[in-house]
N, C-alpha and C. Protein backbone atom coordinates (compact mmCIF):
# COMPACT_ATOMS: atom_id res chain seq x y z
N MET A 1 -27.67 -64.30 11.92
CA MET A 1 -26.59 -64.61 12.84
C MET A 1 -26.23 -63.33 13.62
N TYR A 2 -25.87 -63.47 14.84
CA TYR A 2 -25.56 -62.32 15.67
C TYR A 2 -24.11 -62.35 16.12
N ARG A 3 -23.61 -61.17 16.49
CA ARG A 3 -22.25 -61.06 17.02
C ARG A 3 -22.29 -61.22 18.53
N LYS A 4 -21.30 -61.92 19.09
CA LYS A 4 -21.21 -62.05 20.54
C LYS A 4 -20.85 -60.71 21.17
N THR A 5 -20.02 -59.93 20.45
CA THR A 5 -19.57 -58.66 20.99
C THR A 5 -20.44 -57.53 20.44
N LYS A 6 -20.58 -56.50 21.23
CA LYS A 6 -21.41 -55.37 20.82
C LYS A 6 -20.61 -54.35 20.01
N SER A 7 -19.30 -54.34 20.19
CA SER A 7 -18.48 -53.31 19.58
C SER A 7 -17.30 -53.92 18.83
N LYS A 8 -16.84 -53.21 17.81
CA LYS A 8 -15.64 -53.64 17.08
C LYS A 8 -14.41 -52.89 17.57
N LYS A 9 -14.61 -51.89 18.41
CA LYS A 9 -13.49 -51.04 18.84
C LYS A 9 -12.57 -51.78 19.81
N PRO A 10 -11.25 -51.76 19.54
CA PRO A 10 -10.30 -52.48 20.39
C PRO A 10 -10.37 -52.07 21.86
N LYS A 11 -10.57 -50.78 22.13
CA LYS A 11 -10.64 -50.30 23.52
C LYS A 11 -11.79 -50.98 24.26
N LYS A 12 -12.93 -51.08 23.61
CA LYS A 12 -14.09 -51.70 24.24
C LYS A 12 -13.94 -53.21 24.33
N GLN A 13 -13.23 -53.81 23.37
CA GLN A 13 -12.96 -55.25 23.42
C GLN A 13 -12.10 -55.58 24.64
N ARG A 14 -11.03 -54.77 24.84
CA ARG A 14 -10.14 -54.99 25.99
C ARG A 14 -10.90 -54.80 27.30
N LYS A 15 -11.72 -53.76 27.36
CA LYS A 15 -12.49 -53.50 28.57
C LYS A 15 -13.41 -54.68 28.89
N ALA A 16 -14.09 -55.19 27.88
CA ALA A 16 -15.01 -56.32 28.08
C ALA A 16 -14.25 -57.55 28.56
N GLN A 17 -13.04 -57.74 28.03
CA GLN A 17 -12.25 -58.90 28.43
C GLN A 17 -11.80 -58.79 29.89
N PHE A 18 -11.37 -57.61 30.30
CA PHE A 18 -10.88 -57.43 31.67
C PHE A 18 -12.02 -57.38 32.69
N LYS A 19 -13.18 -56.91 32.29
CA LYS A 19 -14.31 -56.77 33.21
C LYS A 19 -15.20 -58.02 33.25
N ALA A 20 -14.92 -59.00 32.41
CA ALA A 20 -15.76 -60.20 32.34
C ALA A 20 -15.66 -61.01 33.63
N PRO A 21 -16.71 -61.75 33.97
CA PRO A 21 -16.65 -62.63 35.14
C PRO A 21 -15.60 -63.72 34.93
N LEU A 22 -15.10 -64.28 36.02
CA LEU A 22 -14.00 -65.24 35.93
C LEU A 22 -14.34 -66.45 35.08
N HIS A 23 -15.57 -66.96 35.17
CA HIS A 23 -15.91 -68.16 34.41
C HIS A 23 -15.92 -67.89 32.91
N LYS A 24 -16.22 -66.66 32.50
CA LYS A 24 -16.19 -66.31 31.08
C LYS A 24 -14.77 -65.95 30.65
N ARG A 25 -14.01 -65.30 31.54
CA ARG A 25 -12.63 -64.91 31.23
C ARG A 25 -11.77 -66.15 30.99
N HIS A 26 -12.03 -67.20 31.78
CA HIS A 26 -11.27 -68.44 31.65
C HIS A 26 -11.47 -69.04 30.25
N LYS A 27 -12.69 -68.97 29.76
CA LYS A 27 -13.00 -69.53 28.44
C LYS A 27 -12.40 -68.67 27.32
N MET A 28 -12.35 -67.34 27.55
CA MET A 28 -11.77 -66.44 26.54
C MET A 28 -10.28 -66.68 26.35
N MET A 29 -9.61 -67.06 27.43
CA MET A 29 -8.16 -67.25 27.38
C MET A 29 -7.80 -68.67 26.94
N ALA A 30 -8.34 -69.10 25.81
CA ALA A 30 -8.04 -70.43 25.29
C ALA A 30 -7.02 -70.31 24.17
N ALA A 31 -6.16 -71.31 24.05
CA ALA A 31 -5.13 -71.32 23.02
C ALA A 31 -5.25 -72.60 22.19
N PRO A 32 -5.00 -72.50 20.88
CA PRO A 32 -5.06 -73.69 20.04
C PRO A 32 -3.91 -74.65 20.36
N LEU A 33 -4.16 -75.93 20.17
CA LEU A 33 -3.15 -76.95 20.45
C LEU A 33 -2.36 -77.29 19.19
N SER A 34 -1.16 -77.82 19.41
CA SER A 34 -0.34 -78.30 18.29
C SER A 34 -0.98 -79.56 17.72
N PRO A 35 -0.66 -79.92 16.48
CA PRO A 35 -1.26 -81.11 15.87
C PRO A 35 -1.07 -82.39 16.70
N GLU A 36 0.09 -82.55 17.34
CA GLU A 36 0.32 -83.76 18.15
C GLU A 36 -0.62 -83.79 19.36
N LEU A 37 -0.77 -82.63 20.01
CA LEU A 37 -1.63 -82.56 21.19
C LEU A 37 -3.11 -82.67 20.82
N ARG A 38 -3.48 -82.21 19.61
CA ARG A 38 -4.86 -82.36 19.15
C ARG A 38 -5.23 -83.84 19.06
N VAL A 39 -4.31 -84.64 18.55
CA VAL A 39 -4.56 -86.08 18.43
C VAL A 39 -4.65 -86.70 19.82
N LYS A 40 -3.74 -86.28 20.72
CA LYS A 40 -3.69 -86.85 22.06
C LYS A 40 -4.95 -86.55 22.87
N TYR A 41 -5.41 -85.29 22.84
CA TYR A 41 -6.54 -84.87 23.67
C TYR A 41 -7.87 -84.83 22.93
N ASP A 42 -7.83 -84.99 21.60
CA ASP A 42 -9.04 -84.97 20.77
C ASP A 42 -9.80 -83.65 20.93
N ARG A 43 -9.05 -82.55 21.03
CA ARG A 43 -9.61 -81.20 21.12
C ARG A 43 -8.72 -80.25 20.34
N ARG A 44 -9.30 -79.13 19.89
CA ARG A 44 -8.52 -78.16 19.12
C ARG A 44 -7.88 -77.09 20.01
N SER A 45 -8.51 -76.79 21.15
CA SER A 45 -7.95 -75.76 22.02
C SER A 45 -8.27 -76.07 23.48
N PHE A 46 -7.48 -75.44 24.36
CA PHE A 46 -7.66 -75.59 25.80
C PHE A 46 -7.51 -74.22 26.45
N PRO A 47 -8.22 -73.95 27.55
CA PRO A 47 -7.98 -72.72 28.29
C PRO A 47 -6.56 -72.71 28.88
N VAL A 48 -5.93 -71.55 28.86
CA VAL A 48 -4.57 -71.40 29.37
C VAL A 48 -4.63 -71.19 30.88
N ARG A 49 -3.75 -71.87 31.61
CA ARG A 49 -3.67 -71.73 33.07
C ARG A 49 -2.29 -71.26 33.47
N LYS A 50 -2.17 -70.82 34.71
CA LYS A 50 -0.88 -70.41 35.24
C LYS A 50 0.07 -71.60 35.20
N GLY A 51 1.29 -71.38 34.68
CA GLY A 51 2.27 -72.45 34.60
C GLY A 51 2.32 -73.16 33.26
N ASP A 52 1.33 -72.91 32.38
CA ASP A 52 1.35 -73.53 31.06
C ASP A 52 2.44 -72.90 30.20
N THR A 53 3.01 -73.69 29.31
CA THR A 53 4.01 -73.20 28.37
C THR A 53 3.33 -73.00 27.02
N VAL A 54 3.44 -71.78 26.49
CA VAL A 54 2.82 -71.48 25.20
C VAL A 54 3.85 -70.88 24.26
N ILE A 55 3.62 -71.04 22.97
CA ILE A 55 4.47 -70.42 21.95
C ILE A 55 3.60 -69.38 21.25
N ILE A 56 4.05 -68.12 21.24
CA ILE A 56 3.30 -67.05 20.61
C ILE A 56 3.69 -67.00 19.14
N LEU A 57 2.72 -67.21 18.26
CA LEU A 57 2.97 -67.25 16.83
C LEU A 57 2.53 -65.97 16.13
N ARG A 58 1.61 -65.22 16.73
CA ARG A 58 1.11 -63.99 16.12
C ARG A 58 1.04 -62.90 17.18
N GLY A 59 1.15 -61.66 16.72
CA GLY A 59 0.91 -60.54 17.62
C GLY A 59 2.09 -60.07 18.41
């Protein structure tokens, strides 16, 4: 099995996230859904868009 990322260092992780192409950055910015929304949409997570309301649980 291989790692998607080349480095474990936070500085390089942030750089890769900010320098990524838009189509990949959109996929990286996905957030898990609440149990009610999981049932409604039949998905575990969705990419976050401008105007979405999110609840930060960690970090």
